[in-house]
Amino acid sequence: MIIDGVEMRGLEAGDAAGLAEAYARNRAFMAPFEPARPPEFYTERGQRARIEGMLADRDAGRMVPYVLVEAAGGTPVGAINLGSIALGPLCSGGVGYWVDRDWNGKGLATAALEEVCRVAREEAGLHRVEAGTLLGNLASQRVLRKAGFEEYGIAPRYLHIDGAWRDHRLFQRLLHDDPPPV
């Protein structure tokens, strides 16, 4: 899928160097929204190990990871992951995403969320997708609302972000009301 010159495609082992560079380039920009990261996270070796784990989770049916890359050149400018996939009576997954500071506000995250929700419903058979944002992350909340997510609550001290346990606003998008497969 291509969105305004950016391709959303499945994560690959070969994305390690580009993602290390993209995370390093956006480190200060993303710090208020991210957990503490070890220095290794920002290296090709660290990203290679991370990607191996994500691809193992993908192969086990627990995650569907994507990378957003410039169509001309293949430079990573973001990522989106459908993770924590649970089947059975829950049929749910959680979504997390980020977009390079130079690509913010161009509709990439909204379009990527729409595609992930399509995959969640049509390919993974999920009933709902959830996401959480810091209370003050109004930009991400706008993205979620534009993609059809509805707020359903506040989770106190939900994630350890930027050095402290932070409250999060919780969102979900219900994809259908069909019963789960038996």
N, C-alpha and C. Protein backbone atom coordinates (compact mmCIF):
# COMPACT_ATOMS: atom_id res chain seq x y z
N MET A 1 0.84 -1.17 0.00
CA MET A 1 0.00 0.00 0.00
C MET A 1 0.89 1.24 0.00
N ILE A 2 0.62 2.20 -0.88
CA ILE A 2 1.39 3.44 -0.94
C ILE A 2 0.49 4.62 -0.58
N ILE A 3 0.99 5.46 0.35
CA ILE A 3 0.27 6.62 0.84
C ILE A 3 1.16 7.84 0.61
N ASP A 4 0.80 8.71 -0.31
CA ASP A 4 1.56 9.95 -0.54
C ASP A 4 3.07 9.73 -0.62
N GLY A 5 3.50 8.76 -1.41
CA GLY A 5 4.93 8.51 -1.58
C GLY A 5 5.56 7.67 -0.49
N VAL A 6 4.76 7.12 0.41
CA VAL A 6 5.26 6.25 1.47
C VAL A 6 4.58 4.90 1.34
N GLU A 7 5.39 3.84 1.34
CA GLU A 7 4.87 2.48 1.24
C GLU A 7 4.75 1.86 2.62
N MET A 8 3.63 1.24 2.88
CA MET A 8 3.44 0.46 4.10
C MET A 8 3.59 -0.99 3.68
N ARG A 9 4.60 -1.66 4.26
CA ARG A 9 4.83 -3.05 3.91
C ARG A 9 5.24 -3.83 5.14
N GLY A 10 5.20 -5.14 5.02
CA GLY A 10 5.60 -5.99 6.13
C GLY A 10 7.05 -5.76 6.52
N LEU A 11 7.32 -5.81 7.81
CA LEU A 11 8.66 -5.66 8.34
C LEU A 11 9.53 -6.80 7.85
N GLU A 12 10.78 -6.51 7.53
CA GLU A 12 11.73 -7.51 7.04
C GLU A 12 13.03 -7.42 7.83
N ALA A 13 13.77 -8.51 7.88
CA ALA A 13 15.06 -8.53 8.58
C ALA A 13 15.99 -7.45 8.05
N GLY A 14 15.92 -7.17 6.75
CA GLY A 14 16.79 -6.17 6.14
C GLY A 14 16.47 -4.73 6.52
N ASP A 15 15.45 -4.51 7.32
CA ASP A 15 15.08 -3.15 7.74
C ASP A 15 15.88 -2.66 8.94
N ALA A 16 16.75 -3.50 9.49
CA ALA A 16 17.44 -3.16 10.74
C ALA A 16 18.25 -1.87 10.64
N ALA A 17 19.08 -1.71 9.63
CA ALA A 17 19.93 -0.52 9.53
C ALA A 17 19.08 0.74 9.35
N GLY A 18 18.10 0.69 8.48
CA GLY A 18 17.25 1.85 8.24
C GLY A 18 16.45 2.24 9.46
N LEU A 19 15.93 1.25 10.19
CA LEU A 19 15.17 1.56 11.41
C LEU A 19 16.07 2.12 12.50
N ALA A 20 17.28 1.58 12.63
CA ALA A 20 18.22 2.13 13.62
C ALA A 20 18.47 3.60 13.33
N GLU A 21 18.69 3.92 12.08
CA GLU A 21 18.91 5.32 11.68
C GLU A 21 17.68 6.18 11.95
N ALA A 22 16.50 5.66 11.61
CA ALA A 22 15.26 6.42 11.81
C ALA A 22 14.99 6.66 13.30
N TYR A 23 15.18 5.63 14.12
CA TYR A 23 14.98 5.81 15.56
C TYR A 23 16.00 6.80 16.13
N ALA A 24 17.25 6.72 15.70
CA ALA A 24 18.27 7.65 16.18
C ALA A 24 17.92 9.07 15.76
N ARG A 25 17.47 9.25 14.53
CA ARG A 25 17.12 10.57 14.00
C ARG A 25 15.94 11.17 14.77
N ASN A 26 15.04 10.33 15.25
CA ASN A 26 13.81 10.79 15.93
C ASN A 26 13.86 10.62 17.45
N ARG A 27 15.03 10.30 17.97
CA ARG A 27 15.16 9.98 19.40
C ARG A 27 14.62 11.09 20.30
N ALA A 28 15.06 12.30 20.11
CA ALA A 28 14.60 13.41 20.97
C ALA A 28 13.13 13.72 20.72
N PHE A 29 12.70 13.65 19.47
CA PHE A 29 11.31 13.92 19.11
C PHE A 29 10.36 12.93 19.80
N MET A 30 10.75 11.66 19.85
CA MET A 30 9.87 10.62 20.39
C MET A 30 10.05 10.39 21.90
N ALA A 31 11.08 10.94 22.50
CA ALA A 31 11.38 10.68 23.91
C ALA A 31 10.19 10.90 24.85
N PRO A 32 9.38 11.96 24.69
CA PRO A 32 8.26 12.15 25.61
C PRO A 32 7.18 11.08 25.51
N PHE A 33 7.22 10.25 24.46
CA PHE A 33 6.17 9.26 24.22
C PHE A 33 6.66 7.82 24.31
N GLU A 34 7.94 7.63 24.62
CA GLU A 34 8.57 6.32 24.55
C GLU A 34 9.05 5.85 25.92
N PRO A 35 9.14 4.53 26.09
CA PRO A 35 9.81 4.01 27.29
C PRO A 35 11.32 4.26 27.18
N ALA A 36 12.02 4.09 28.29
CA ALA A 36 13.48 4.20 28.26
C ALA A 36 14.03 3.13 27.33
N ARG A 37 14.96 3.49 26.51
CA ARG A 37 15.57 2.58 25.55
C ARG A 37 17.06 2.46 25.85
N PRO A 38 17.60 1.24 25.85
CA PRO A 38 19.05 1.11 26.02
C PRO A 38 19.76 1.63 24.77
N PRO A 39 21.02 2.04 24.89
CA PRO A 39 21.76 2.54 23.73
C PRO A 39 21.75 1.55 22.55
N GLU A 40 21.75 0.28 22.84
CA GLU A 40 21.76 -0.77 21.80
C GLU A 40 20.53 -0.68 20.88
N PHE A 41 19.42 -0.19 21.41
CA PHE A 41 18.19 -0.07 20.62
C PHE A 41 18.42 0.76 19.36
N TYR A 42 19.29 1.74 19.44
CA TYR A 42 19.52 2.68 18.34
C TYR A 42 20.61 2.22 17.38
N THR A 43 20.99 0.96 17.47
CA THR A 43 22.02 0.40 16.59
C THR A 43 21.40 -0.63 15.65
N GLU A 44 22.12 -0.89 14.56
CA GLU A 44 21.65 -1.91 13.62
C GLU A 44 21.54 -3.27 14.31
N ARG A 45 22.52 -3.61 15.14
CA ARG A 45 22.48 -4.90 15.84
C ARG A 45 21.28 -4.99 16.77
N GLY A 46 21.00 -3.89 17.48
CA GLY A 46 19.84 -3.87 18.38
C GLY A 46 18.54 -4.00 17.62
N GLN A 47 18.43 -3.32 16.49
CA GLN A 47 17.22 -3.42 15.68
C GLN A 47 17.10 -4.81 15.05
N ARG A 48 18.21 -5.39 14.66
CA ARG A 48 18.16 -6.74 14.08
C ARG A 48 17.59 -7.72 15.11
N ALA A 49 18.05 -7.65 16.35
CA ALA A 49 17.53 -8.53 17.41
C ALA A 49 16.05 -8.26 17.65
N ARG A 50 15.68 -7.00 17.68
CA ARG A 50 14.27 -6.62 17.89
C ARG A 50 13.40 -7.16 16.76
N ILE A 51 13.85 -6.99 15.53
CA ILE A 51 13.10 -7.47 14.37
C ILE A 51 12.97 -8.98 14.39
N GLU A 52 14.03 -9.69 14.76
CA GLU A 52 13.96 -11.16 14.84
C GLU A 52 12.85 -11.57 15.80
N GLY A 53 12.76 -10.90 16.94
CA GLY A 53 11.70 -11.21 17.90
C GLY A 53 10.32 -10.90 17.35
N MET A 54 10.20 -9.78 16.65
CA MET A 54 8.91 -9.41 16.08
C MET A 54 8.48 -10.38 14.98
N LEU A 55 9.44 -10.81 14.17
CA LEU A 55 9.10 -11.76 13.12
C LEU A 55 8.74 -13.13 13.70
N ALA A 56 9.37 -13.51 14.81
CA ALA A 56 8.98 -14.74 15.49
C ALA A 56 7.56 -14.63 16.03
N ASP A 57 7.22 -13.47 16.60
CA ASP A 57 5.86 -13.24 17.07
C ASP A 57 4.87 -13.26 15.90
N ARG A 58 5.28 -12.69 14.77
CA ARG A 58 4.42 -12.73 13.57
C ARG A 58 4.16 -14.18 13.15
N ASP A 59 5.22 -14.96 13.10
CA ASP A 59 5.09 -16.35 12.67
C ASP A 59 4.24 -17.17 13.63
N ALA A 60 4.20 -16.76 14.90
CA ALA A 60 3.39 -17.46 15.91
C ALA A 60 1.96 -16.92 15.97
N GLY A 61 1.64 -15.91 15.14
CA GLY A 61 0.29 -15.37 15.11
C GLY A 61 -0.01 -14.35 16.19
N ARG A 62 1.03 -13.84 16.86
CA ARG A 62 0.82 -12.88 17.95
C ARG A 62 0.96 -11.43 17.52
N MET A 63 1.48 -11.19 16.29
CA MET A 63 1.77 -9.82 15.87
C MET A 63 1.80 -9.74 14.35
N VAL A 64 1.45 -8.55 13.84
CA VAL A 64 1.61 -8.25 12.42
C VAL A 64 2.36 -6.92 12.35
N PRO A 65 3.70 -6.96 12.12
CA PRO A 65 4.50 -5.73 12.10
C PRO A 65 4.68 -5.16 10.69
N TYR A 66 4.60 -3.84 10.61
CA TYR A 66 4.78 -3.13 9.35
C TYR A 66 5.81 -2.01 9.52
N VAL A 67 6.40 -1.63 8.43
CA VAL A 67 7.28 -0.47 8.38
C VAL A 67 6.74 0.46 7.30
N LEU A 68 6.89 1.77 7.53
CA LEU A 68 6.52 2.79 6.55
C LEU A 68 7.82 3.31 5.96
N VAL A 69 7.98 3.17 4.63
CA VAL A 69 9.22 3.59 3.97
C VAL A 69 8.91 4.51 2.80
N GLU A 70 9.82 5.46 2.58
CA GLU A 70 9.68 6.31 1.40
C GLU A 70 9.72 5.41 0.17
N ALA A 71 8.74 5.56 -0.70
CA ALA A 71 8.67 4.71 -1.90
C ALA A 71 9.91 4.89 -2.76
N ALA A 72 10.42 6.11 -2.84
CA ALA A 72 11.65 6.38 -3.60
C ALA A 72 12.82 6.34 -2.62
N GLY A 73 13.53 5.24 -2.58
CA GLY A 73 14.71 5.14 -1.73
C GLY A 73 14.59 4.18 -0.57
N GLY A 74 13.39 3.93 -0.10
CA GLY A 74 13.20 2.93 0.95
C GLY A 74 13.61 3.35 2.35
N THR A 75 13.77 4.65 2.60
CA THR A 75 14.13 5.12 3.94
C THR A 75 12.93 4.96 4.88
N PRO A 76 13.10 4.26 6.02
CA PRO A 76 12.00 4.15 6.98
C PRO A 76 11.61 5.51 7.56
N VAL A 77 10.29 5.75 7.60
CA VAL A 77 9.76 6.99 8.17
C VAL A 77 8.67 6.71 9.20
N GLY A 78 8.60 5.46 9.65
CA GLY A 78 7.62 5.12 10.66
C GLY A 78 7.38 3.63 10.70
N ALA A 79 6.53 3.24 11.63
CA ALA A 79 6.17 1.83 11.78
C ALA A 79 4.81 1.74 12.44
N ILE A 80 4.15 0.63 12.22
CA ILE A 80 2.87 0.36 12.88
C ILE A 80 2.80 -1.15 13.10
N ASN A 81 2.35 -1.54 14.27
CA ASN A 81 2.29 -2.94 14.62
C ASN A 81 0.94 -3.28 15.22
N LEU A 82 0.39 -4.38 14.76
CA LEU A 82 -0.78 -4.98 15.39
C LEU A 82 -0.24 -6.10 16.25
N GLY A 83 -0.32 -5.94 17.56
CA GLY A 83 0.27 -6.92 18.47
C GLY A 83 -0.71 -7.37 19.53
N SER A 84 -0.20 -8.15 20.47
CA SER A 84 -1.01 -8.68 21.56
C SER A 84 -2.28 -9.33 21.03
N ILE A 85 -2.14 -10.04 19.91
CA ILE A 85 -3.30 -10.66 19.28
C ILE A 85 -3.80 -11.81 20.16
N ALA A 86 -5.07 -11.75 20.50
CA ALA A 86 -5.72 -12.79 21.29
C ALA A 86 -6.95 -13.25 20.52
N LEU A 87 -7.08 -14.54 20.35
CA LEU A 87 -8.24 -15.08 19.64
C LEU A 87 -9.25 -15.59 20.65
N GLY A 88 -10.07 -16.55 20.27
CA GLY A 88 -11.09 -17.06 21.18
C GLY A 88 -12.19 -16.04 21.38
N PRO A 89 -12.76 -15.99 22.57
CA PRO A 89 -13.89 -15.08 22.79
C PRO A 89 -13.50 -13.60 22.78
N LEU A 90 -12.20 -13.28 22.90
CA LEU A 90 -11.77 -11.88 22.90
C LEU A 90 -11.58 -11.34 21.48
N CYS A 91 -10.88 -12.06 20.62
CA CYS A 91 -10.61 -11.64 19.23
C CYS A 91 -10.19 -10.19 19.16
N SER A 92 -9.06 -9.88 19.80
CA SER A 92 -8.62 -8.49 19.93
C SER A 92 -7.12 -8.38 19.70
N GLY A 93 -6.70 -7.17 19.39
CA GLY A 93 -5.29 -6.87 19.27
C GLY A 93 -5.06 -5.42 19.62
N GLY A 94 -3.82 -5.09 19.88
CA GLY A 94 -3.46 -3.71 20.19
C GLY A 94 -2.59 -3.14 19.09
N VAL A 95 -2.71 -1.85 18.87
CA VAL A 95 -1.93 -1.21 17.81
C VAL A 95 -1.02 -0.15 18.42
N GLY A 96 0.18 -0.09 17.89
CA GLY A 96 1.13 0.95 18.24
C GLY A 96 1.77 1.47 16.97
N TYR A 97 2.09 2.74 16.95
CA TYR A 97 2.64 3.33 15.73
C TYR A 97 3.47 4.55 16.05
N TRP A 98 4.32 4.93 15.11
CA TRP A 98 5.05 6.19 15.18
C TRP A 98 5.35 6.64 13.75
N VAL A 99 5.50 7.94 13.59
CA VAL A 99 5.82 8.52 12.29
C VAL A 99 6.94 9.54 12.50
N ASP A 100 7.92 9.50 11.62
CA ASP A 100 9.06 10.42 11.63
C ASP A 100 8.59 11.87 11.77
N ARG A 101 9.31 12.65 12.53
CA ARG A 101 8.91 14.04 12.79
C ARG A 101 8.69 14.83 11.50
N ASP A 102 9.46 14.54 10.45
CA ASP A 102 9.29 15.27 9.19
C ASP A 102 8.07 14.83 8.40
N TRP A 103 7.44 13.73 8.79
CA TRP A 103 6.27 13.21 8.09
C TRP A 103 5.00 13.36 8.92
N ASN A 104 5.11 13.92 10.12
CA ASN A 104 3.94 14.13 10.97
C ASN A 104 2.94 15.06 10.32
N GLY A 105 1.65 14.80 10.55
CA GLY A 105 0.60 15.68 10.08
C GLY A 105 0.24 15.52 8.61
N LYS A 106 0.74 14.47 7.97
CA LYS A 106 0.47 14.26 6.54
C LYS A 106 -0.52 13.13 6.28
N GLY A 107 -1.13 12.59 7.34
CA GLY A 107 -2.14 11.55 7.19
C GLY A 107 -1.60 10.13 7.12
N LEU A 108 -0.28 9.95 7.30
CA LEU A 108 0.29 8.60 7.20
C LEU A 108 -0.23 7.67 8.30
N ALA A 109 -0.23 8.16 9.53
CA ALA A 109 -0.66 7.31 10.65
C ALA A 109 -2.12 6.93 10.50
N THR A 110 -2.96 7.86 10.09
CA THR A 110 -4.39 7.56 9.92
C THR A 110 -4.59 6.51 8.83
N ALA A 111 -3.94 6.69 7.69
CA ALA A 111 -4.07 5.72 6.59
C ALA A 111 -3.52 4.36 7.01
N ALA A 112 -2.39 4.34 7.72
CA ALA A 112 -1.82 3.08 8.17
C ALA A 112 -2.75 2.38 9.16
N LEU A 113 -3.36 3.15 10.07
CA LEU A 113 -4.32 2.58 11.02
C LEU A 113 -5.52 1.96 10.29
N GLU A 114 -6.00 2.65 9.28
CA GLU A 114 -7.12 2.11 8.49
C GLU A 114 -6.74 0.76 7.89
N GLU A 115 -5.54 0.68 7.33
CA GLU A 115 -5.09 -0.56 6.71
C GLU A 115 -4.91 -1.66 7.76
N VAL A 116 -4.34 -1.33 8.90
CA VAL A 116 -4.17 -2.33 9.96
C VAL A 116 -5.53 -2.84 10.44
N CYS A 117 -6.51 -1.96 10.54
CA CYS A 117 -7.86 -2.41 10.94
C CYS A 117 -8.47 -3.33 9.88
N ARG A 118 -8.21 -3.05 8.61
CA ARG A 118 -8.69 -3.93 7.55
C ARG A 118 -8.05 -5.31 7.69
N VAL A 119 -6.74 -5.33 7.91
CA VAL A 119 -6.02 -6.60 8.09
C VAL A 119 -6.54 -7.32 9.33
N ALA A 120 -6.74 -6.58 10.41
CA ALA A 120 -7.22 -7.18 11.66
C ALA A 120 -8.55 -7.88 11.45
N ARG A 121 -9.42 -7.26 10.69
CA ARG A 121 -10.75 -7.85 10.45
C ARG A 121 -10.70 -8.96 9.41
N GLU A 122 -10.17 -8.64 8.24
CA GLU A 122 -10.27 -9.54 7.10
C GLU A 122 -9.26 -10.68 7.12
N GLU A 123 -8.09 -10.46 7.68
CA GLU A 123 -7.06 -11.50 7.66
C GLU A 123 -6.86 -12.16 9.01
N ALA A 124 -6.91 -11.38 10.08
CA ALA A 124 -6.70 -11.96 11.41
C ALA A 124 -8.01 -12.37 12.08
N GLY A 125 -9.15 -11.91 11.54
CA GLY A 125 -10.44 -12.28 12.11
C GLY A 125 -10.74 -11.65 13.46
N LEU A 126 -10.15 -10.49 13.73
CA LEU A 126 -10.35 -9.86 15.03
C LEU A 126 -11.66 -9.08 15.08
N HIS A 127 -12.19 -8.96 16.27
CA HIS A 127 -13.42 -8.21 16.54
C HIS A 127 -13.12 -6.74 16.86
N ARG A 128 -11.97 -6.49 17.51
CA ARG A 128 -11.65 -5.13 17.95
C ARG A 128 -10.14 -4.92 17.93
N VAL A 129 -9.79 -3.64 17.85
CA VAL A 129 -8.39 -3.21 17.95
C VAL A 129 -8.37 -2.10 18.98
N GLU A 130 -7.38 -2.12 19.87
CA GLU A 130 -7.28 -1.11 20.89
C GLU A 130 -5.95 -0.36 20.80
N ALA A 131 -5.92 0.82 21.39
CA ALA A 131 -4.72 1.65 21.44
C ALA A 131 -4.79 2.54 22.67
N GLY A 132 -3.64 2.97 23.14
CA GLY A 132 -3.59 3.90 24.26
C GLY A 132 -2.64 5.03 23.95
N THR A 133 -2.95 6.21 24.47
CA THR A 133 -2.07 7.37 24.31
C THR A 133 -1.89 8.05 25.66
N LEU A 134 -0.78 8.73 25.80
CA LEU A 134 -0.63 9.60 26.96
C LEU A 134 -1.78 10.59 26.97
N LEU A 135 -2.19 11.02 28.14
CA LEU A 135 -3.33 11.93 28.24
C LEU A 135 -3.15 13.19 27.39
N GLY A 136 -1.94 13.71 27.33
CA GLY A 136 -1.70 14.94 26.61
C GLY A 136 -1.31 14.77 25.15
N ASN A 137 -1.31 13.56 24.64
CA ASN A 137 -0.90 13.33 23.25
C ASN A 137 -2.10 13.54 22.33
N LEU A 138 -2.46 14.79 22.17
CA LEU A 138 -3.65 15.15 21.40
C LEU A 138 -3.52 14.79 19.93
N ALA A 139 -2.31 14.86 19.38
CA ALA A 139 -2.12 14.53 17.96
C ALA A 139 -2.45 13.06 17.71
N SER A 140 -1.97 12.18 18.56
CA SER A 140 -2.26 10.75 18.38
C SER A 140 -3.74 10.46 18.63
N GLN A 141 -4.35 11.17 19.57
CA GLN A 141 -5.77 10.99 19.81
C GLN A 141 -6.59 11.41 18.60
N ARG A 142 -6.16 12.48 17.93
CA ARG A 142 -6.84 12.90 16.69
C ARG A 142 -6.72 11.83 15.62
N VAL A 143 -5.53 11.25 15.49
CA VAL A 143 -5.30 10.18 14.51
C VAL A 143 -6.25 9.02 14.79
N LEU A 144 -6.32 8.60 16.04
CA LEU A 144 -7.19 7.47 16.39
C LEU A 144 -8.65 7.78 16.09
N ARG A 145 -9.10 8.95 16.46
CA ARG A 145 -10.50 9.31 16.20
C ARG A 145 -10.79 9.37 14.70
N LYS A 146 -9.86 9.92 13.92
CA LYS A 146 -10.06 9.97 12.46
C LYS A 146 -10.14 8.56 11.86
N ALA A 147 -9.46 7.61 12.49
CA ALA A 147 -9.47 6.22 12.01
C ALA A 147 -10.62 5.42 12.61
N GLY A 148 -11.56 6.07 13.26
CA GLY A 148 -12.75 5.39 13.76
C GLY A 148 -12.64 4.80 15.14
N PHE A 149 -11.62 5.14 15.90
CA PHE A 149 -11.48 4.65 17.27
C PHE A 149 -12.28 5.53 18.21
N GLU A 150 -12.82 4.92 19.26
CA GLU A 150 -13.58 5.64 20.27
C GLU A 150 -12.90 5.48 21.62
N GLU A 151 -12.87 6.56 22.38
CA GLU A 151 -12.31 6.49 23.72
C GLU A 151 -13.23 5.68 24.62
N TYR A 152 -12.62 4.82 25.47
CA TYR A 152 -13.45 4.06 26.39
C TYR A 152 -12.97 4.10 27.83
N GLY A 153 -11.92 4.86 28.10
CA GLY A 153 -11.51 4.96 29.49
C GLY A 153 -10.12 5.52 29.67
N ILE A 154 -9.75 5.61 30.95
CA ILE A 154 -8.43 6.07 31.36
C ILE A 154 -7.80 4.94 32.16
N ALA A 155 -6.53 4.65 31.88
CA ALA A 155 -5.79 3.65 32.63
C ALA A 155 -4.72 4.37 33.46
N PRO A 156 -4.91 4.41 34.78
CA PRO A 156 -3.93 5.09 35.64
C PRO A 156 -2.58 4.35 35.63
N ARG A 157 -1.51 5.12 35.57
CA ARG A 157 -0.14 4.58 35.64
C ARG A 157 0.01 3.34 34.74
N TYR A 158 -0.41 3.47 33.50
CA TYR A 158 -0.53 2.36 32.55
C TYR A 158 0.82 1.87 32.01
N LEU A 159 1.66 2.81 31.56
CA LEU A 159 2.97 2.45 31.00
C LEU A 159 4.05 3.36 31.58
N HIS A 160 5.26 2.81 31.67
CA HIS A 160 6.41 3.61 32.12
C HIS A 160 6.99 4.31 30.90
N ILE A 161 6.69 5.59 30.77
CA ILE A 161 7.06 6.40 29.61
C ILE A 161 7.86 7.61 30.07
N ASP A 162 8.94 7.89 29.38
CA ASP A 162 9.74 9.08 29.66
C ASP A 162 10.05 9.22 31.16
N GLY A 163 10.42 8.10 31.77
CA GLY A 163 10.90 8.11 33.15
C GLY A 163 9.88 7.99 34.26
N ALA A 164 8.60 7.80 33.95
CA ALA A 164 7.60 7.70 35.01
C ALA A 164 6.41 6.86 34.54
N TRP A 165 5.66 6.33 35.50
CA TRP A 165 4.41 5.63 35.17
C TRP A 165 3.39 6.69 34.77
N ARG A 166 2.84 6.55 33.57
CA ARG A 166 1.96 7.58 33.02
C ARG A 166 0.55 7.05 32.79
N ASP A 167 -0.42 7.92 33.08
CA ASP A 167 -1.82 7.62 32.77
C ASP A 167 -2.00 7.64 31.25
N HIS A 168 -2.90 6.79 30.76
CA HIS A 168 -3.18 6.72 29.32
C HIS A 168 -4.68 6.77 29.06
N ARG A 169 -5.00 7.38 27.96
CA ARG A 169 -6.36 7.41 27.44
C ARG A 169 -6.49 6.19 26.53
N LEU A 170 -7.52 5.36 26.75
CA LEU A 170 -7.69 4.12 26.00
C LEU A 170 -8.75 4.28 24.91
N PHE A 171 -8.45 3.70 23.76
CA PHE A 171 -9.33 3.76 22.59
C PHE A 171 -9.53 2.37 22.04
N GLN A 172 -10.64 2.17 21.38
CA GLN A 172 -10.88 0.91 20.67
C GLN A 172 -11.67 1.20 19.40
N ARG A 173 -11.51 0.29 18.46
CA ARG A 173 -12.35 0.31 17.25
C ARG A 173 -12.94 -1.08 17.12
N LEU A 174 -14.26 -1.15 17.17
CA LEU A 174 -14.94 -2.41 16.96
C LEU A 174 -15.06 -2.64 15.45
N LEU A 175 -14.65 -3.81 15.01
CA LEU A 175 -14.55 -4.10 13.58
C LEU A 175 -15.77 -4.79 13.02
N HIS A 176 -16.48 -5.56 13.85
CA HIS A 176 -17.69 -6.27 13.42
C HIS A 176 -18.31 -6.91 14.66
N ASP A 177 -19.48 -7.47 14.49
CA ASP A 177 -20.16 -8.13 15.61
C ASP A 177 -20.39 -9.62 15.35
N ASP A 178 -19.66 -10.18 14.39
CA ASP A 178 -19.78 -11.61 14.12
C ASP A 178 -19.24 -12.42 15.29
N PRO A 179 -19.76 -13.59 15.53
CA PRO A 179 -19.20 -14.43 16.60
C PRO A 179 -17.80 -14.90 16.22
N PRO A 180 -16.97 -15.23 17.23
CA PRO A 180 -15.64 -15.75 16.91
C PRO A 180 -15.73 -17.12 16.25
N PRO A 181 -14.72 -17.46 15.46
CA PRO A 181 -14.73 -18.79 14.85
C PRO A 181 -14.67 -19.87 15.95
N VAL A 182 -15.29 -20.97 15.69
CA VAL A 182 -15.31 -22.05 16.69
C VAL A 182 -14.27 -23.08 16.37
